[in-house]
Amino acid sequence: MYQFGHYGAALLLYAPVGAAVALGGAETVAILGGVVCVSLSTLPDVDHRLPLVDHRGVTHTVGFAILVGAGVAAATAILIDASTLAVDAAIVGFAFLVGTLSIGSHLLADALTPMGIRPFWPLSRRRYTLEVTRAANPIANYVLFGLGLAGTAFAALVVEYAG
């Protein structure tokens, strides 16, 4: 998928998580999590600009998703510690979830394409694909973006009326 398709996938997967966090009373954290999730959703495609790295290779794996989640959690722990001198385990865990979910959304969106992904590389070379649409299909990318916006709007309505 392309940029807007990945944004949509990230919004769609994050919407229920963000709603749960907001319903728990942490609206600002929920919004920040959404911004981070969408911002990182195209990170795996950095492989287009890296020499000696195949597209949909190492950056399109579950291991990379966990690595990004750990990086976001570590950065959050450092930022929290620097500002309050106390690390909140729940916030750091949430940061890990957001980072991992962001990359996971990218993997799921790319699994819709015929090229698919090898999410368990190097343990397995098996390729997973649903062969729904080509990555370059603008209609599919905008439909996925629209679904992400709709999911986010629905989550916001749930939070608004439940709170």
N, C-alpha and C. Protein backbone atom coordinates (compact mmCIF):
# COMPACT_ATOMS: atom_id res chain seq x y z
N MET A 1 0.85 -1.17 0.00
CA MET A 1 0.00 0.00 0.00
C MET A 1 0.90 1.24 0.00
N TYR A 2 0.25 2.36 -0.27
CA TYR A 2 0.98 3.62 -0.29
C TYR A 2 0.66 4.41 0.98
N GLN A 3 1.19 5.62 1.06
CA GLN A 3 1.15 6.43 2.27
C GLN A 3 -0.25 6.54 2.88
N PHE A 4 -1.24 6.96 2.11
CA PHE A 4 -2.57 7.13 2.68
C PHE A 4 -3.20 5.81 3.10
N GLY A 5 -2.91 4.75 2.39
CA GLY A 5 -3.39 3.43 2.79
C GLY A 5 -2.82 3.03 4.14
N HIS A 6 -1.53 3.31 4.34
CA HIS A 6 -0.90 2.99 5.63
C HIS A 6 -1.43 3.88 6.75
N TYR A 7 -1.68 5.14 6.45
CA TYR A 7 -2.29 6.01 7.47
C TYR A 7 -3.65 5.46 7.88
N GLY A 8 -4.43 5.05 6.89
CA GLY A 8 -5.76 4.51 7.18
C GLY A 8 -5.70 3.25 8.01
N ALA A 9 -4.78 2.34 7.67
CA ALA A 9 -4.64 1.10 8.43
C ALA A 9 -4.25 1.40 9.88
N ALA A 10 -3.34 2.35 10.06
CA ALA A 10 -2.92 2.71 11.42
C ALA A 10 -4.10 3.30 12.21
N LEU A 11 -4.85 4.20 11.59
CA LEU A 11 -6.01 4.79 12.26
C LEU A 11 -7.03 3.72 12.62
N LEU A 12 -7.28 2.80 11.70
CA LEU A 12 -8.29 1.76 11.92
C LEU A 12 -7.90 0.84 13.08
N LEU A 13 -6.64 0.44 13.12
CA LEU A 13 -6.20 -0.46 14.20
C LEU A 13 -6.05 0.26 15.54
N TYR A 14 -5.68 1.55 15.48
CA TYR A 14 -5.47 2.29 16.72
C TYR A 14 -6.79 2.76 17.35
N ALA A 15 -7.82 2.97 16.55
CA ALA A 15 -9.07 3.56 17.04
C ALA A 15 -9.62 2.89 18.31
N PRO A 16 -9.75 1.56 18.37
CA PRO A 16 -10.27 0.98 19.61
C PRO A 16 -9.32 1.12 20.80
N VAL A 17 -8.02 1.10 20.53
CA VAL A 17 -7.04 1.29 21.60
C VAL A 17 -7.14 2.71 22.14
N GLY A 18 -7.16 3.68 21.23
CA GLY A 18 -7.27 5.07 21.64
C GLY A 18 -8.56 5.34 22.39
N ALA A 19 -9.66 4.73 21.94
CA ALA A 19 -10.93 4.91 22.63
C ALA A 19 -10.86 4.35 24.05
N ALA A 20 -10.26 3.18 24.21
CA ALA A 20 -10.14 2.58 25.54
C ALA A 20 -9.30 3.45 26.47
N VAL A 21 -8.22 4.00 25.95
CA VAL A 21 -7.37 4.86 26.77
C VAL A 21 -8.12 6.15 27.14
N ALA A 22 -8.82 6.72 26.18
CA ALA A 22 -9.59 7.94 26.45
C ALA A 22 -10.70 7.67 27.45
N LEU A 23 -11.39 6.54 27.31
CA LEU A 23 -12.45 6.19 28.26
C LEU A 23 -11.89 5.97 29.66
N GLY A 24 -10.61 5.60 29.72
CA GLY A 24 -9.94 5.44 31.01
C GLY A 24 -9.51 6.76 31.63
N GLY A 25 -9.80 7.86 30.95
CA GLY A 25 -9.52 9.18 31.50
C GLY A 25 -8.24 9.83 31.01
N ALA A 26 -7.58 9.23 30.05
CA ALA A 26 -6.31 9.79 29.55
C ALA A 26 -6.47 10.23 28.10
N GLU A 27 -7.33 11.22 27.87
CA GLU A 27 -7.62 11.67 26.52
C GLU A 27 -6.38 12.19 25.80
N THR A 28 -5.56 12.96 26.48
CA THR A 28 -4.35 13.52 25.86
C THR A 28 -3.39 12.41 25.45
N VAL A 29 -3.24 11.42 26.31
CA VAL A 29 -2.38 10.28 26.00
C VAL A 29 -2.93 9.53 24.79
N ALA A 30 -4.25 9.38 24.71
CA ALA A 30 -4.88 8.69 23.58
C ALA A 30 -4.59 9.43 22.28
N ILE A 31 -4.72 10.74 22.30
CA ILE A 31 -4.46 11.53 21.09
C ILE A 31 -2.98 11.46 20.70
N LEU A 32 -2.09 11.60 21.68
CA LEU A 32 -0.65 11.49 21.38
C LEU A 32 -0.31 10.12 20.82
N GLY A 33 -0.91 9.08 21.37
CA GLY A 33 -0.68 7.74 20.86
C GLY A 33 -1.10 7.60 19.41
N GLY A 34 -2.23 8.21 19.07
CA GLY A 34 -2.70 8.17 17.69
C GLY A 34 -1.77 8.89 16.75
N VAL A 35 -1.27 10.04 17.18
CA VAL A 35 -0.33 10.80 16.35
C VAL A 35 0.94 10.00 16.11
N VAL A 36 1.47 9.38 17.16
CA VAL A 36 2.68 8.58 17.03
C VAL A 36 2.42 7.37 16.14
N CYS A 37 1.29 6.72 16.33
CA CYS A 37 0.96 5.53 15.54
C CYS A 37 0.91 5.86 14.05
N VAL A 38 0.21 6.91 13.70
CA VAL A 38 0.10 7.30 12.29
C VAL A 38 1.46 7.77 11.77
N SER A 39 2.20 8.51 12.58
CA SER A 39 3.51 9.02 12.15
C SER A 39 4.50 7.91 11.83
N LEU A 40 4.44 6.83 12.57
CA LEU A 40 5.37 5.71 12.35
C LEU A 40 4.86 4.69 11.34
N SER A 41 3.63 4.85 10.88
CA SER A 41 3.01 3.81 10.06
C SER A 41 3.70 3.58 8.71
N THR A 42 4.45 4.53 8.23
CA THR A 42 5.16 4.33 6.96
C THR A 42 6.65 4.03 7.16
N LEU A 43 7.08 3.93 8.40
CA LEU A 43 8.50 3.66 8.70
C LEU A 43 9.06 2.43 7.99
N PRO A 44 8.35 1.32 7.89
CA PRO A 44 8.94 0.15 7.21
C PRO A 44 9.37 0.43 5.78
N ASP A 45 8.77 1.40 5.12
CA ASP A 45 9.15 1.70 3.74
C ASP A 45 10.43 2.52 3.63
N VAL A 46 11.10 2.74 4.77
CA VAL A 46 12.43 3.35 4.73
C VAL A 46 13.38 2.44 3.95
N ASP A 47 13.01 1.18 3.81
CA ASP A 47 13.86 0.24 3.07
C ASP A 47 14.05 0.64 1.61
N HIS A 48 13.16 1.48 1.09
CA HIS A 48 13.34 1.98 -0.29
C HIS A 48 14.60 2.83 -0.40
N ARG A 49 15.00 3.45 0.70
CA ARG A 49 16.14 4.37 0.68
C ARG A 49 17.41 3.79 1.33
N LEU A 50 17.35 2.54 1.75
CA LEU A 50 18.51 1.93 2.39
C LEU A 50 19.23 1.00 1.42
N PRO A 51 20.52 1.22 1.24
CA PRO A 51 21.26 0.31 0.36
C PRO A 51 21.36 -1.08 0.99
N LEU A 52 21.36 -2.07 0.14
CA LEU A 52 21.52 -3.48 0.54
C LEU A 52 20.36 -4.03 1.38
N VAL A 53 19.25 -3.30 1.43
CA VAL A 53 18.08 -3.79 2.16
C VAL A 53 16.94 -3.98 1.16
N ASP A 54 16.43 -5.21 1.10
CA ASP A 54 15.34 -5.51 0.17
C ASP A 54 14.04 -4.88 0.65
N HIS A 55 13.23 -4.44 -0.34
CA HIS A 55 11.91 -3.94 0.01
C HIS A 55 11.06 -5.09 0.53
N ARG A 56 10.34 -4.83 1.58
CA ARG A 56 9.52 -5.82 2.29
C ARG A 56 10.39 -6.96 2.83
N GLY A 57 11.57 -6.56 3.26
CA GLY A 57 12.47 -7.51 3.90
C GLY A 57 12.43 -7.33 5.40
N VAL A 58 13.56 -7.04 5.99
CA VAL A 58 13.70 -6.97 7.44
C VAL A 58 12.78 -5.93 8.08
N THR A 59 12.49 -4.83 7.39
CA THR A 59 11.65 -3.79 7.98
C THR A 59 10.16 -4.13 7.91
N HIS A 60 9.84 -5.26 7.32
CA HIS A 60 8.45 -5.70 7.21
C HIS A 60 8.26 -7.01 7.98
N THR A 61 8.81 -7.06 9.19
CA THR A 61 8.74 -8.27 10.00
C THR A 61 8.19 -7.97 11.39
N VAL A 62 7.74 -9.01 12.04
CA VAL A 62 7.28 -8.89 13.42
C VAL A 62 8.43 -8.44 14.32
N GLY A 63 9.63 -8.94 14.03
CA GLY A 63 10.80 -8.52 14.81
C GLY A 63 11.04 -7.03 14.73
N PHE A 64 10.88 -6.45 13.54
CA PHE A 64 11.05 -5.01 13.38
C PHE A 64 9.95 -4.27 14.15
N ALA A 65 8.74 -4.79 14.12
CA ALA A 65 7.64 -4.17 14.87
C ALA A 65 7.96 -4.14 16.36
N ILE A 66 8.48 -5.23 16.88
CA ILE A 66 8.84 -5.29 18.30
C ILE A 66 10.00 -4.34 18.60
N LEU A 67 10.96 -4.28 17.70
CA LEU A 67 12.09 -3.37 17.87
C LEU A 67 11.63 -1.91 17.91
N VAL A 68 10.74 -1.54 17.01
CA VAL A 68 10.21 -0.17 17.01
C VAL A 68 9.41 0.08 18.29
N GLY A 69 8.60 -0.89 18.70
CA GLY A 69 7.86 -0.75 19.95
C GLY A 69 8.79 -0.52 21.13
N ALA A 70 9.88 -1.28 21.17
CA ALA A 70 10.86 -1.12 22.25
C ALA A 70 11.53 0.25 22.18
N GLY A 71 11.80 0.72 20.98
CA GLY A 71 12.41 2.04 20.82
C GLY A 71 11.48 3.16 21.28
N VAL A 72 10.20 3.05 20.93
CA VAL A 72 9.23 4.06 21.36
C VAL A 72 9.08 4.01 22.88
N ALA A 73 9.05 2.81 23.45
CA ALA A 73 8.96 2.67 24.90
C ALA A 73 10.18 3.26 25.60
N ALA A 74 11.36 2.99 25.05
CA ALA A 74 12.59 3.53 25.65
C ALA A 74 12.62 5.05 25.58
N ALA A 75 12.24 5.60 24.42
CA ALA A 75 12.20 7.06 24.28
C ALA A 75 11.20 7.68 25.25
N THR A 76 10.06 7.02 25.41
CA THR A 76 9.05 7.51 26.35
C THR A 76 9.57 7.47 27.78
N ALA A 77 10.23 6.38 28.15
CA ALA A 77 10.79 6.26 29.50
C ALA A 77 11.80 7.36 29.76
N ILE A 78 12.63 7.66 28.78
CA ILE A 78 13.63 8.71 28.94
C ILE A 78 12.96 10.07 29.08
N LEU A 79 11.97 10.34 28.25
CA LEU A 79 11.27 11.62 28.31
C LEU A 79 10.52 11.79 29.63
N ILE A 80 9.87 10.73 30.08
CA ILE A 80 9.14 10.82 31.35
C ILE A 80 10.11 11.00 32.51
N ASP A 81 11.19 10.21 32.52
CA ASP A 81 12.17 10.28 33.59
C ASP A 81 12.81 11.66 33.65
N ALA A 82 13.08 12.24 32.49
CA ALA A 82 13.72 13.55 32.45
C ALA A 82 12.79 14.64 32.98
N SER A 83 11.48 14.46 32.82
CA SER A 83 10.57 15.51 33.23
C SER A 83 9.99 15.31 34.63
N THR A 84 9.89 14.06 35.10
CA THR A 84 9.23 13.83 36.39
C THR A 84 10.06 13.04 37.39
N LEU A 85 11.17 12.51 36.96
CA LEU A 85 12.04 11.69 37.79
C LEU A 85 11.40 10.38 38.24
N ALA A 86 10.29 10.01 37.58
CA ALA A 86 9.64 8.74 37.89
C ALA A 86 9.08 8.16 36.59
N VAL A 87 9.40 6.93 36.32
CA VAL A 87 8.92 6.29 35.10
C VAL A 87 7.61 5.57 35.41
N ASP A 88 6.59 5.86 34.63
CA ASP A 88 5.28 5.23 34.78
C ASP A 88 5.23 4.01 33.86
N ALA A 89 5.19 2.82 34.45
CA ALA A 89 5.23 1.58 33.68
C ALA A 89 4.05 1.46 32.72
N ALA A 90 2.89 1.96 33.11
CA ALA A 90 1.72 1.87 32.23
C ALA A 90 1.91 2.71 30.97
N ILE A 91 2.48 3.89 31.12
CA ILE A 91 2.71 4.77 29.96
C ILE A 91 3.78 4.15 29.05
N VAL A 92 4.82 3.60 29.64
CA VAL A 92 5.89 2.97 28.85
C VAL A 92 5.34 1.74 28.12
N GLY A 93 4.51 0.96 28.78
CA GLY A 93 3.88 -0.19 28.14
C GLY A 93 2.97 0.24 27.00
N PHE A 94 2.23 1.31 27.22
CA PHE A 94 1.36 1.85 26.18
C PHE A 94 2.21 2.32 24.99
N ALA A 95 3.33 2.94 25.26
CA ALA A 95 4.22 3.40 24.19
C ALA A 95 4.73 2.21 23.37
N PHE A 96 5.06 1.12 24.05
CA PHE A 96 5.48 -0.10 23.34
C PHE A 96 4.35 -0.59 22.44
N LEU A 97 3.14 -0.62 22.97
CA LEU A 97 1.99 -1.06 22.19
C LEU A 97 1.79 -0.19 20.96
N VAL A 98 1.88 1.11 21.13
CA VAL A 98 1.67 2.05 20.01
C VAL A 98 2.73 1.84 18.92
N GLY A 99 3.99 1.74 19.32
CA GLY A 99 5.05 1.52 18.34
C GLY A 99 4.89 0.22 17.58
N THR A 100 4.58 -0.84 18.32
CA THR A 100 4.40 -2.15 17.70
C THR A 100 3.16 -2.18 16.81
N LEU A 101 2.07 -1.59 17.29
CA LEU A 101 0.83 -1.54 16.52
C LEU A 101 1.00 -0.76 15.22
N SER A 102 1.77 0.30 15.28
CA SER A 102 2.01 1.12 14.09
C SER A 102 2.65 0.30 12.99
N ILE A 103 3.69 -0.43 13.32
CA ILE A 103 4.37 -1.27 12.32
C ILE A 103 3.48 -2.45 11.94
N GLY A 104 2.78 -3.00 12.91
CA GLY A 104 1.85 -4.08 12.62
C GLY A 104 0.77 -3.67 11.62
N SER A 105 0.30 -2.43 11.73
CA SER A 105 -0.71 -1.95 10.78
C SER A 105 -0.13 -1.89 9.37
N HIS A 106 1.13 -1.51 9.28
CA HIS A 106 1.80 -1.46 7.98
C HIS A 106 1.88 -2.87 7.38
N LEU A 107 2.25 -3.82 8.20
CA LEU A 107 2.37 -5.21 7.74
C LEU A 107 1.02 -5.74 7.26
N LEU A 108 -0.03 -5.45 8.01
CA LEU A 108 -1.35 -5.92 7.63
C LEU A 108 -1.80 -5.29 6.31
N ALA A 109 -1.54 -4.00 6.15
CA ALA A 109 -1.92 -3.33 4.90
C ALA A 109 -1.14 -3.92 3.72
N ASP A 110 0.14 -4.18 3.90
CA ASP A 110 0.93 -4.77 2.81
C ASP A 110 0.54 -6.22 2.54
N ALA A 111 -0.01 -6.90 3.52
CA ALA A 111 -0.47 -8.28 3.31
C ALA A 111 -1.70 -8.32 2.41
N LEU A 112 -2.34 -7.18 2.19
CA LEU A 112 -3.49 -7.12 1.28
C LEU A 112 -3.05 -7.20 -0.18
N THR A 113 -1.78 -6.99 -0.45
CA THR A 113 -1.28 -6.93 -1.82
C THR A 113 -0.76 -8.28 -2.28
N PRO A 114 -0.71 -8.49 -3.61
CA PRO A 114 -0.18 -9.77 -4.12
C PRO A 114 1.26 -10.05 -3.70
N MET A 115 2.07 -9.00 -3.55
CA MET A 115 3.46 -9.19 -3.14
C MET A 115 3.54 -9.74 -1.71
N GLY A 116 2.61 -9.34 -0.86
CA GLY A 116 2.55 -9.83 0.50
C GLY A 116 3.77 -9.47 1.34
N ILE A 117 3.92 -10.18 2.43
CA ILE A 117 5.02 -9.94 3.37
C ILE A 117 5.54 -11.27 3.89
N ARG A 118 6.75 -11.24 4.43
CA ARG A 118 7.34 -12.39 5.12
C ARG A 118 7.55 -11.96 6.57
N PRO A 119 6.50 -11.95 7.39
CA PRO A 119 6.58 -11.35 8.72
C PRO A 119 7.47 -12.08 9.72
N PHE A 120 7.75 -13.34 9.46
CA PHE A 120 8.55 -14.11 10.42
C PHE A 120 9.98 -14.37 9.94
N TRP A 121 10.40 -13.64 8.89
CA TRP A 121 11.77 -13.73 8.42
C TRP A 121 12.69 -13.28 9.56
N PRO A 122 13.80 -13.88 9.85
CA PRO A 122 14.51 -14.93 9.14
C PRO A 122 14.13 -16.35 9.60
N LEU A 123 13.19 -16.47 10.53
CA LEU A 123 12.80 -17.80 11.00
C LEU A 123 12.04 -18.57 9.93
N SER A 124 11.29 -17.85 9.10
CA SER A 124 10.52 -18.49 8.04
C SER A 124 10.53 -17.59 6.81
N ARG A 125 10.65 -18.19 5.65
CA ARG A 125 10.62 -17.42 4.40
C ARG A 125 9.21 -17.42 3.80
N ARG A 126 8.25 -17.98 4.52
CA ARG A 126 6.89 -18.06 4.00
C ARG A 126 6.31 -16.65 3.82
N ARG A 127 5.71 -16.47 2.66
CA ARG A 127 5.09 -15.18 2.31
C ARG A 127 3.59 -15.27 2.59
N TYR A 128 3.07 -14.22 3.21
CA TYR A 128 1.64 -14.15 3.50
C TYR A 128 1.02 -13.04 2.66
N THR A 129 -0.06 -13.36 1.99
CA THR A 129 -0.77 -12.39 1.17
C THR A 129 -2.24 -12.75 1.09
N LEU A 130 -3.08 -11.73 1.07
CA LEU A 130 -4.51 -11.93 0.85
C LEU A 130 -4.88 -11.62 -0.61
N GLU A 131 -3.94 -11.04 -1.34
CA GLU A 131 -4.11 -10.72 -2.76
C GLU A 131 -5.43 -9.98 -3.05
N VAL A 132 -5.71 -8.96 -2.24
CA VAL A 132 -6.93 -8.18 -2.41
C VAL A 132 -6.76 -7.11 -3.48
N THR A 133 -5.61 -6.43 -3.46
CA THR A 133 -5.40 -5.31 -4.38
C THR A 133 -3.92 -5.05 -4.56
N ARG A 134 -3.58 -4.39 -5.65
CA ARG A 134 -2.20 -3.96 -5.85
C ARG A 134 -1.89 -2.79 -4.91
N ALA A 135 -0.66 -2.68 -4.51
CA ALA A 135 -0.25 -1.59 -3.62
C ALA A 135 -0.48 -0.23 -4.26
N ALA A 136 -0.33 -0.14 -5.57
CA ALA A 136 -0.43 1.13 -6.28
C ALA A 136 -1.87 1.53 -6.60
N ASN A 137 -2.85 0.74 -6.22
CA ASN A 137 -4.25 1.04 -6.52
C ASN A 137 -4.71 2.23 -5.68
N PRO A 138 -4.91 3.41 -6.32
CA PRO A 138 -5.29 4.59 -5.55
C PRO A 138 -6.65 4.44 -4.87
N ILE A 139 -7.57 3.75 -5.51
CA ILE A 139 -8.90 3.58 -4.91
C ILE A 139 -8.78 2.76 -3.62
N ALA A 140 -8.03 1.67 -3.66
CA ALA A 140 -7.86 0.84 -2.47
C ALA A 140 -7.17 1.62 -1.35
N ASN A 141 -6.18 2.43 -1.70
CA ASN A 141 -5.48 3.22 -0.69
C ASN A 141 -6.41 4.24 -0.04
N TYR A 142 -7.22 4.91 -0.84
CA TYR A 142 -8.14 5.91 -0.28
C TYR A 142 -9.31 5.27 0.45
N VAL A 143 -9.74 4.09 0.02
CA VAL A 143 -10.78 3.37 0.76
C VAL A 143 -10.24 2.99 2.14
N LEU A 144 -9.01 2.49 2.20
CA LEU A 144 -8.41 2.14 3.49
C LEU A 144 -8.26 3.38 4.36
N PHE A 145 -7.87 4.50 3.76
CA PHE A 145 -7.77 5.76 4.51
C PHE A 145 -9.14 6.16 5.04
N GLY A 146 -10.16 6.07 4.19
CA GLY A 146 -11.52 6.40 4.61
C GLY A 146 -12.01 5.51 5.74
N LEU A 147 -11.69 4.22 5.66
CA LEU A 147 -12.06 3.30 6.74
C LEU A 147 -11.38 3.69 8.05
N GLY A 148 -10.12 4.11 7.95
CA GLY A 148 -9.40 4.56 9.15
C GLY A 148 -10.03 5.80 9.75
N LEU A 149 -10.40 6.75 8.89
CA LEU A 149 -11.08 7.96 9.38
C LEU A 149 -12.42 7.62 10.01
N ALA A 150 -13.17 6.73 9.35
CA ALA A 150 -14.48 6.33 9.88
C ALA A 150 -14.34 5.61 11.23
N GLY A 151 -13.35 4.73 11.32
CA GLY A 151 -13.11 4.04 12.59
C GLY A 151 -12.73 5.00 13.70
N THR A 152 -11.94 5.99 13.36
CA THR A 152 -11.52 7.00 14.34
C THR A 152 -12.71 7.85 14.76
N ALA A 153 -13.53 8.25 13.80
CA ALA A 153 -14.72 9.05 14.10
C ALA A 153 -15.68 8.26 15.00
N PHE A 154 -15.86 6.98 14.69
CA PHE A 154 -16.74 6.14 15.51
C PHE A 154 -16.19 6.04 16.94
N ALA A 155 -14.88 5.82 17.06
CA ALA A 155 -14.26 5.74 18.39
C ALA A 155 -14.44 7.04 19.15
N ALA A 156 -14.28 8.17 18.46
CA ALA A 156 -14.46 9.47 19.11
C ALA A 156 -15.90 9.66 19.59
N LEU A 157 -16.86 9.20 18.79
CA LEU A 157 -18.27 9.30 19.19
C LEU A 157 -18.55 8.43 20.42
N VAL A 158 -17.97 7.24 20.43
CA VAL A 158 -18.14 6.35 21.58
C VAL A 158 -17.60 7.03 22.84
N VAL A 159 -16.43 7.63 22.74
CA VAL A 159 -15.82 8.30 23.89
C VAL A 159 -16.68 9.49 24.30
N GLU A 160 -17.16 10.26 23.33
CA GLU A 160 -17.96 11.44 23.63
C GLU A 160 -19.25 11.09 24.36
N TYR A 161 -19.94 10.06 23.89
CA TYR A 161 -21.24 9.73 24.46
C TYR A 161 -21.14 8.84 25.69
N ALA A 162 -20.06 8.12 25.83
CA ALA A 162 -19.88 7.28 27.02
C ALA A 162 -19.35 8.09 28.19
N GLY A 163 -18.66 9.16 27.87
CA GLY A 163 -18.03 9.96 28.93
C GLY A 163 -18.95 10.99 29.38
